[in-house]
Amino acid sequence: MIVRNEKETDHRHVEELIRKAFYNLYVPGCTEHYLARVMRGHEDFIPELDLVLELDGRVIGSILYTKAKLSDAAGKEKEILTFGPVCIAPEYQRMGYGRQLMETSFEKATALGYDVIVIFGSPANYVARGFKSCKKFNVCADNGRYPAAMLVKELVPGALDGRKWVYRDSPVMAFSEEEAQRYDDTLEKLEKKWQPSQEEFYILSHSFVE
């Protein structure tokens, strides 16, 4: 097993991997594979943190990072990281590969000089990797609220000093879902369907820490 930088020759396979991992997970179908496709060409994309996990010569995992920002009340900005999509092939999930992929990416991110990561995800998947509720670091969304799914990890302890910060994604995250659907329509046909994880996602994505 090795973790290495993604190569251009990996792109199509990685997009297919992401698509299979996310299809019908949060909504019927998915858009994460399209996000990976457009992310690679954006100015906020970080090639050094575009990583894949390879097992016996086959890529079974992927994680991609972009820059993001925190802004305080005085307008001071702090450049940070966010990642996603991150995935492991369904048949290899819950075997520790995702942990290895993320931990390696954290080490590389720290070496590059970054000290904070903010993501949106299920706490059940990330608290074991050192992520905590955004409220514990006083990091809020644009509306001043603390989404239950917004999680923060200090790569360098004490990087956040308790002041109130507002999190802002890279503009690449505001992609067109219509364009994503048009791209998906060019790929192998997969059945869109409902499954219980979509209701879990709806509840979590509409929840806040008070």
C-alpha atoms as a PDB file:
ATOM      1  CA  MET A   1       0.000   0.000   0.000  1.00  0.00           C
ATOM      2  CA  ILE A   2       1.334   3.440  -0.919  1.00  0.00           C
ATOM      3  CA  VAL A   3      -0.019   6.989  -0.829  1.00  0.00           C
ATOM      4  CA  ARG A   4       1.233   9.114  -3.719  1.00  0.00           C
ATOM      5  CA  ASN A   5       0.317  12.175  -5.754  1.00  0.00           C
ATOM      6  CA  GLU A   6      -2.362  11.708  -8.359  1.00  0.00           C
ATOM      7  CA  LYS A   7      -1.098  11.598 -11.958  1.00  0.00           C
ATOM      8  CA  GLU A   8      -2.956  12.883 -14.985  1.00  0.00           C
ATOM      9  CA  THR A   9      -3.337   9.273 -16.113  1.00  0.00           C
ATOM     10  CA  ASP A  10      -5.270   8.590 -12.874  1.00  0.00           C
ATOM     11  CA  HIS A  11      -7.917  11.254 -13.473  1.00  0.00           C
ATOM     12  CA  ARG A  12     -10.566   9.174 -15.208  1.00  0.00           C
ATOM     13  CA  HIS A  13     -10.172   6.233 -12.836  1.00  0.00           C
ATOM     14  CA  VAL A  14     -10.331   8.517  -9.793  1.00  0.00           C
ATOM     15  CA  GLU A  15     -13.505  10.187 -11.061  1.00  0.00           C
ATOM     16  CA  GLU A  16     -15.090   6.759 -11.596  1.00  0.00           C
ATOM     17  CA  LEU A  17     -13.975   5.732  -8.104  1.00  0.00           C
ATOM     18  CA  ILE A  18     -15.498   8.859  -6.564  1.00  0.00           C
ATOM     19  CA  ARG A  19     -18.717   8.378  -8.523  1.00  0.00           C
ATOM     20  CA  LYS A  20     -19.183   4.794  -7.341  1.00  0.00           C
ATOM     21  CA  ALA A  21     -18.380   5.721  -3.740  1.00  0.00           C
ATOM     22  CA  PHE A  22     -20.885   8.612  -3.598  1.00  0.00           C
ATOM     23  CA  TYR A  23     -23.678   7.548  -5.942  1.00  0.00           C
ATOM     24  CA  ASN A  24     -26.999   7.683  -4.036  1.00  0.00           C
ATOM     25  CA  LEU A  25     -25.183   8.237  -0.738  1.00  0.00           C
ATOM     26  CA  TYR A  26     -26.406  11.783   0.004  1.00  0.00           C
ATOM     27  CA  VAL A  27     -28.890  12.364  -2.821  1.00  0.00           C
ATOM     28  CA  PRO A  28     -30.112  10.267  -5.741  1.00  0.00           C
ATOM     29  CA  GLY A  29     -27.055  10.204  -8.010  1.00  0.00           C
ATOM     30  CA  CYS A  30     -24.083  12.409  -7.049  1.00  0.00           C
ATOM     31  CA  THR A  31     -21.955  15.380  -8.171  1.00  0.00           C
ATOM     32  CA  GLU A  32     -18.690  14.729  -6.318  1.00  0.00           C
ATOM     33  CA  HIS A  33     -16.938  13.252  -9.371  1.00  0.00           C
ATOM     34  CA  TYR A  34     -17.731  16.393 -11.361  1.00  0.00           C
ATOM     35  CA  LEU A  35     -16.399  18.555  -8.529  1.00  0.00           C
ATOM     36  CA  ALA A  36     -13.100  16.665  -8.671  1.00  0.00           C
ATOM     37  CA  ARG A  37     -12.978  17.237 -12.422  1.00  0.00           C
ATOM     38  CA  VAL A  38     -13.426  21.026 -12.210  1.00  0.00           C
ATOM     39  CA  MET A  39     -11.420  21.407  -9.014  1.00  0.00           C
ATOM     40  CA  ARG A  40      -8.151  20.317 -10.605  1.00  0.00           C
ATOM     41  CA  GLY A  41      -8.087  23.357 -12.896  1.00  0.00           C
ATOM     42  CA  HIS A  42      -8.988  25.952 -10.263  1.00  0.00           C
ATOM     43  CA  GLU A  43      -6.509  28.395  -8.743  1.00  0.00           C
ATOM     44  CA  ASP A  44      -7.377  27.261  -5.222  1.00  0.00           C
ATOM     45  CA  PHE A  45      -6.552  23.621  -5.956  1.00  0.00           C
ATOM     46  CA  ILE A  46      -3.414  22.305  -4.243  1.00  0.00           C
ATOM     47  CA  PRO A  47      -1.656  19.724  -6.456  1.00  0.00           C
ATOM     48  CA  GLU A  48       0.738  18.711  -3.663  1.00  0.00           C
ATOM     49  CA  LEU A  49      -2.276  17.525  -1.650  1.00  0.00           C
ATOM     50  CA  ASP A  50      -3.977  15.719  -4.533  1.00  0.00           C
ATOM     51  CA  LEU A  51      -3.338  12.194  -3.268  1.00  0.00           C
ATOM     52  CA  VAL A  52      -4.349   8.653  -4.102  1.00  0.00           C
ATOM     53  CA  LEU A  53      -3.979   5.434  -2.158  1.00  0.00           C
ATOM     54  CA  GLU A  54      -2.682   2.548  -4.221  1.00  0.00           C
ATOM     55  CA  LEU A  55      -3.040  -1.094  -3.175  1.00  0.00           C
ATOM     56  CA  ASP A  56      -1.303  -3.811  -5.177  1.00  0.00           C
ATOM     57  CA  GLY A  57      -0.932  -1.424  -8.109  1.00  0.00           C
ATOM     58  CA  ARG A  58      -4.600  -0.349  -8.108  1.00  0.00           C
ATOM     59  CA  VAL A  59      -5.853   3.064  -6.977  1.00  0.00           C
ATOM     60  CA  ILE A  60      -8.558   2.465  -4.356  1.00  0.00           C
ATOM     61  CA  GLY A  61      -8.683   5.841  -2.601  1.00  0.00           C
ATOM     62  CA  SER A  62      -8.514   9.573  -3.300  1.00  0.00           C
ATOM     63  CA  ILE A  63      -8.403  12.876  -1.431  1.00  0.00           C
ATOM     64  CA  LEU A  64      -8.287  16.376  -2.947  1.00  0.00           C
ATOM     65  CA  TYR A  65      -7.646  19.678  -1.168  1.00  0.00           C
ATOM     66  CA  THR A  66      -8.382  23.311  -1.959  1.00  0.00           C
ATOM     67  CA  LYS A  67      -7.600  26.534  -0.162  1.00  0.00           C
ATOM     68  CA  ALA A  68     -10.315  28.171   1.956  1.00  0.00           C
ATOM     69  CA  LYS A  69     -10.443  31.210   4.227  1.00  0.00           C
ATOM     70  CA  LEU A  70     -11.366  32.334   7.697  1.00  0.00           C
ATOM     71  CA  SER A  71     -12.253  35.999   8.311  1.00  0.00           C
ATOM     72  CA  ASP A  72     -12.436  37.685  11.708  1.00  0.00           C
ATOM     73  CA  ALA A  73     -14.556  40.680  12.792  1.00  0.00           C
ATOM     74  CA  ALA A  74     -11.817  43.133  11.807  1.00  0.00           C
ATOM     75  CA  GLY A  75     -11.665  41.711   8.285  1.00  0.00           C
ATOM     76  CA  LYS A  76      -8.381  39.892   8.795  1.00  0.00           C
ATOM     77  CA  GLU A  77      -8.193  36.766   6.653  1.00  0.00           C
ATOM     78  CA  LYS A  78      -6.455  33.504   7.394  1.00  0.00           C
ATOM     79  CA  GLU A  79      -5.755  31.028   4.595  1.00  0.00           C
ATOM     80  CA  ILE A  80      -6.656  27.476   5.548  1.00  0.00           C
ATOM     81  CA  LEU A  81      -7.501  24.158   3.900  1.00  0.00           C
ATOM     82  CA  THR A  82     -10.560  22.121   3.123  1.00  0.00           C
ATOM     83  CA  PHE A  83     -10.707  18.713   1.510  1.00  0.00           C
ATOM     84  CA  GLY A  84     -13.216  16.692  -0.418  1.00  0.00           C
ATOM     85  CA  PRO A  85     -14.261  14.645  -2.057  1.00  0.00           C
ATOM     86  CA  VAL A  86     -12.393  11.971  -0.130  1.00  0.00           C
ATOM     87  CA  CYS A  87     -13.238   8.338  -0.718  1.00  0.00           C
ATOM     88  CA  ILE A  88     -12.196   4.718  -0.595  1.00  0.00           C
ATOM     89  CA  ALA A  89     -13.585   2.149  -3.028  1.00  0.00           C
ATOM     90  CA  PRO A  90     -16.726   0.644  -1.448  1.00  0.00           C
ATOM     91  CA  GLU A  91     -15.259  -2.860  -1.249  1.00  0.00           C
ATOM     92  CA  TYR A  92     -12.275  -1.564   0.773  1.00  0.00           C
ATOM     93  CA  GLN A  93     -14.096   0.683   3.231  1.00  0.00           C
ATOM     94  CA  ARG A  94     -13.869   0.202   7.017  1.00  0.00           C
ATOM     95  CA  MET A  95     -10.426  -1.404   6.695  1.00  0.00           C
ATOM     96  CA  GLY A  96      -8.262   1.536   7.792  1.00  0.00           C
ATOM     97  CA  TYR A  97      -7.317   2.768   4.321  1.00  0.00           C
ATOM     98  CA  GLY A  98      -9.211   6.038   4.699  1.00  0.00           C
ATOM     99  CA  ARG A  99      -7.434   6.702   7.991  1.00  0.00           C
ATOM    100  CA  GLN A 100      -4.049   6.143   6.368  1.00  0.00           C
ATOM    101  CA  LEU A 101      -4.897   8.373   3.423  1.00  0.00           C
ATOM    102  CA  MET A 102      -6.086  11.226   5.627  1.00  0.00           C
ATOM    103  CA  GLU A 103      -3.251  11.003   8.127  1.00  0.00           C
ATOM    104  CA  THR A 104      -0.677  11.097   5.327  1.00  0.00           C
ATOM    105  CA  SER A 105      -2.408  14.137   3.850  1.00  0.00           C
ATOM    106  CA  PHE A 106      -2.347  15.878   7.244  1.00  0.00           C
ATOM    107  CA  GLU A 107       1.401  15.333   7.504  1.00  0.00           C
ATOM    108  CA  LYS A 108       1.954  16.742   4.016  1.00  0.00           C
ATOM    109  CA  ALA A 109      -0.329  19.713   4.679  1.00  0.00           C
ATOM    110  CA  THR A 110       1.541  20.573   7.861  1.00  0.00           C
ATOM    111  CA  ALA A 111       4.867  20.341   6.022  1.00  0.00           C
ATOM    112  CA  LEU A 112       3.515  22.835   3.478  1.00  0.00           C
ATOM    113  CA  GLY A 113       2.857  25.329   6.272  1.00  0.00           C
ATOM    114  CA  TYR A 114      -0.908  24.962   6.738  1.00  0.00           C
ATOM    115  CA  ASP A 115      -2.266  24.835  10.268  1.00  0.00           C
ATOM    116  CA  VAL A 116      -6.082  24.492  10.050  1.00  0.00           C
ATOM    117  CA  ILE A 117      -8.538  22.329   8.093  1.00  0.00           C
ATOM    118  CA  VAL A 118     -12.294  22.941   7.955  1.00  0.00           C
ATOM    119  CA  ILE A 119     -14.599  20.401   6.327  1.00  0.00           C
ATOM    120  CA  PHE A 120     -18.263  19.487   6.105  1.00  0.00           C
ATOM    121  CA  GLY A 121     -18.946  15.872   6.972  1.00  0.00           C
ATOM    122  CA  SER A 122     -20.384  13.398   9.421  1.00  0.00           C
ATOM    123  CA  PRO A 123     -18.705  13.680  12.832  1.00  0.00           C
ATOM    124  CA  ALA A 124     -18.819   9.872  13.044  1.00  0.00           C
ATOM    125  CA  ASN A 125     -16.335   9.715  10.180  1.00  0.00           C
ATOM    126  CA  TYR A 126     -13.905  12.391  11.327  1.00  0.00           C
ATOM    127  CA  VAL A 127     -13.734  12.909  15.095  1.00  0.00           C
ATOM    128  CA  ALA A 128     -11.322   9.980  15.388  1.00  0.00           C
ATOM    129  CA  ARG A 129      -9.013  11.898  13.030  1.00  0.00           C
ATOM    130  CA  GLY A 130      -8.872  14.895  15.363  1.00  0.00           C
ATOM    131  CA  PHE A 131     -11.772  16.970  14.039  1.00  0.00           C
ATOM    132  CA  LYS A 132     -14.052  18.778  16.480  1.00  0.00           C
ATOM    133  CA  SER A 133     -17.231  20.821  16.297  1.00  0.00           C
ATOM    134  CA  CYS A 134     -16.672  24.195  14.670  1.00  0.00           C
ATOM    135  CA  LYS A 135     -18.243  25.840  17.706  1.00  0.00           C
ATOM    136  CA  LYS A 136     -15.385  24.695  19.923  1.00  0.00           C
ATOM    137  CA  PHE A 137     -13.073  26.850  17.799  1.00  0.00           C
ATOM    138  CA  ASN A 138     -15.601  29.693  17.340  1.00  0.00           C
ATOM    139  CA  VAL A 139     -15.692  29.117  13.569  1.00  0.00           C
ATOM    140  CA  CYS A 140     -19.115  29.871  12.097  1.00  0.00           C
ATOM    141  CA  ALA A 141     -20.863  29.992   8.748  1.00  0.00           C
ATOM    142  CA  ASP A 142     -21.797  33.230   6.940  1.00  0.00           C
ATOM    143  CA  ASN A 143     -25.061  33.402   8.876  1.00  0.00           C
ATOM    144  CA  GLY A 144     -23.255  33.330  12.221  1.00  0.00           C
ATOM    145  CA  ARG A 145     -24.491  29.840  13.071  1.00  0.00           C
ATOM    146  CA  TYR A 146     -22.502  26.689  13.776  1.00  0.00           C
ATOM    147  CA  PRO A 147     -23.472  23.845  11.420  1.00  0.00           C
ATOM    148  CA  ALA A 148     -23.350  20.413  13.041  1.00  0.00           C
ATOM    149  CA  ALA A 149     -21.542  19.102   9.959  1.00  0.00           C
ATOM    150  CA  MET A 150     -18.845  21.797   9.951  1.00  0.00           C
ATOM    151  CA  LEU A 151     -15.770  20.323  11.585  1.00  0.00           C
ATOM    152  CA  VAL A 152     -12.395  21.843  12.407  1.00  0.00           C
ATOM    153  CA  LYS A 153      -8.949  20.332  12.893  1.00  0.00           C
ATOM    154  CA  GLU A 154      -5.933  22.256  14.112  1.00  0.00           C
ATOM    155  CA  LEU A 155      -2.879  20.794  12.403  1.00  0.00           C
ATOM    156  CA  VAL A 156      -0.844  23.011  14.738  1.00  0.00           C
ATOM    157  CA  PRO A 157      -2.298  23.171  18.280  1.00  0.00           C
ATOM    158  CA  GLY A 158      -3.350  26.705  19.177  1.00  0.00           C
ATOM    159  CA  ALA A 159      -3.507  27.886  15.562  1.00  0.00           C
ATOM    160  CA  LEU A 160      -6.942  29.341  16.318  1.00  0.00           C
ATOM    161  CA  ASP A 161      -6.960  31.757  19.237  1.00  0.00           C
ATOM    162  CA  GLY A 162     -10.640  31.790  20.189  1.00  0.00           C
ATOM    163  CA  ARG A 163     -11.688  34.886  18.267  1.00  0.00           C
ATOM    164  CA  LYS A 164     -14.792  34.471  16.115  1.00  0.00           C
ATOM    165  CA  TRP A 165     -14.015  33.391  12.560  1.00  0.00           C
ATOM    166  CA  VAL A 166     -16.319  33.118   9.548  1.00  0.00           C
ATOM    167  CA  TYR A 167     -15.564  30.247   7.185  1.00  0.00           C
ATOM    168  CA  ARG A 168     -15.583  30.769   3.424  1.00  0.00           C
ATOM    169  CA  ASP A 169     -15.213  28.028   0.841  1.00  0.00           C
ATOM    170  CA  SER A 170     -13.288  28.347  -2.382  1.00  0.00           C
ATOM    171  CA  PRO A 171     -15.507  29.596  -5.250  1.00  0.00           C
ATOM    172  CA  VAL A 172     -14.901  26.263  -6.984  1.00  0.00           C
ATOM    173  CA  MET A 173     -17.399  24.687  -4.590  1.00  0.00           C
ATOM    174  CA  ALA A 174     -20.210  26.756  -6.149  1.00  0.00           C
ATOM    175  CA  PHE A 175     -20.293  24.689  -9.321  1.00  0.00           C
ATOM    176  CA  SER A 176     -23.318  24.285 -11.573  1.00  0.00           C
ATOM    177  CA  GLU A 177     -25.381  21.229 -10.697  1.00  0.00           C
ATOM    178  CA  GLU A 178     -26.892  21.364 -14.187  1.00  0.00           C
ATOM    179  CA  GLU A 179     -23.433  21.080 -15.735  1.00  0.00           C
ATOM    180  CA  ALA A 180     -22.623  18.290 -13.303  1.00  0.00           C
ATOM    181  CA  GLN A 181     -25.724  16.423 -14.436  1.00  0.00           C
ATOM    182  CA  ARG A 182     -24.865  16.917 -18.093  1.00  0.00           C
ATOM    183  CA  TYR A 183     -21.427  15.443 -17.440  1.00  0.00           C
ATOM    184  CA  ASP A 184     -22.895  12.541 -15.487  1.00  0.00           C
ATOM    185  CA  ASP A 185     -25.201  11.776 -18.408  1.00  0.00           C
ATOM    186  CA  THR A 186     -22.134  11.075 -20.578  1.00  0.00           C
ATOM    187  CA  LEU A 187     -20.913   8.321 -18.241  1.00  0.00           C
ATOM    188  CA  GLU A 188     -21.935   4.731 -17.624  1.00  0.00           C
ATOM    189  CA  LYS A 189     -25.588   4.602 -16.630  1.00  0.00           C
ATOM    190  CA  LEU A 190     -26.138   4.099 -12.907  1.00  0.00           C
ATOM    191  CA  GLU A 191     -29.555   3.882 -11.291  1.00  0.00           C
ATOM    192  CA  LYS A 192     -30.542   6.869  -9.186  1.00  0.00           C
ATOM    193  CA  LYS A 193     -32.478   5.740  -6.140  1.00  0.00           C
ATOM    194  CA  TRP A 194     -33.356   6.598  -2.560  1.00  0.00           C
ATOM    195  CA  GLN A 195     -31.621   5.025   0.393  1.00  0.00           C
ATOM    196  CA  PRO A 196     -31.686   5.777   4.150  1.00  0.00           C
ATOM    197  CA  SER A 197     -28.302   7.552   4.156  1.00  0.00           C
ATOM    198  CA  GLN A 198     -29.960  10.387   2.218  1.00  0.00           C
ATOM    199  CA  GLU A 199     -32.313  11.106   5.106  1.00  0.00           C
ATOM    200  CA  GLU A 200     -29.379  10.985   7.534  1.00  0.00           C
ATOM    201  CA  PHE A 201     -27.581  13.524   5.334  1.00  0.00           C
ATOM    202  CA  TYR A 202     -30.659  15.776   5.211  1.00  0.00           C
ATOM    203  CA  ILE A 203     -30.982  15.781   9.002  1.00  0.00           C
ATOM    204  CA  LEU A 204     -27.285  16.457   9.592  1.00  0.00           C
ATOM    205  CA  SER A 205     -26.967  19.122   6.901  1.00  0.00           C
ATOM    206  CA  HIS A 206     -29.912  21.040   8.376  1.00  0.00           C
ATOM    207  CA  SER A 207     -28.690  20.829  12.006  1.00  0.00           C
ATOM    208  CA  PHE A 208     -26.799  23.407  14.056  1.00  0.00           C
ATOM    209  CA  VAL A 209     -24.912  23.453  17.371  1.00  0.00           C
ATOM    210  CA  GLU A 210     -26.431  26.068  19.684  1.00  0.00           C
END
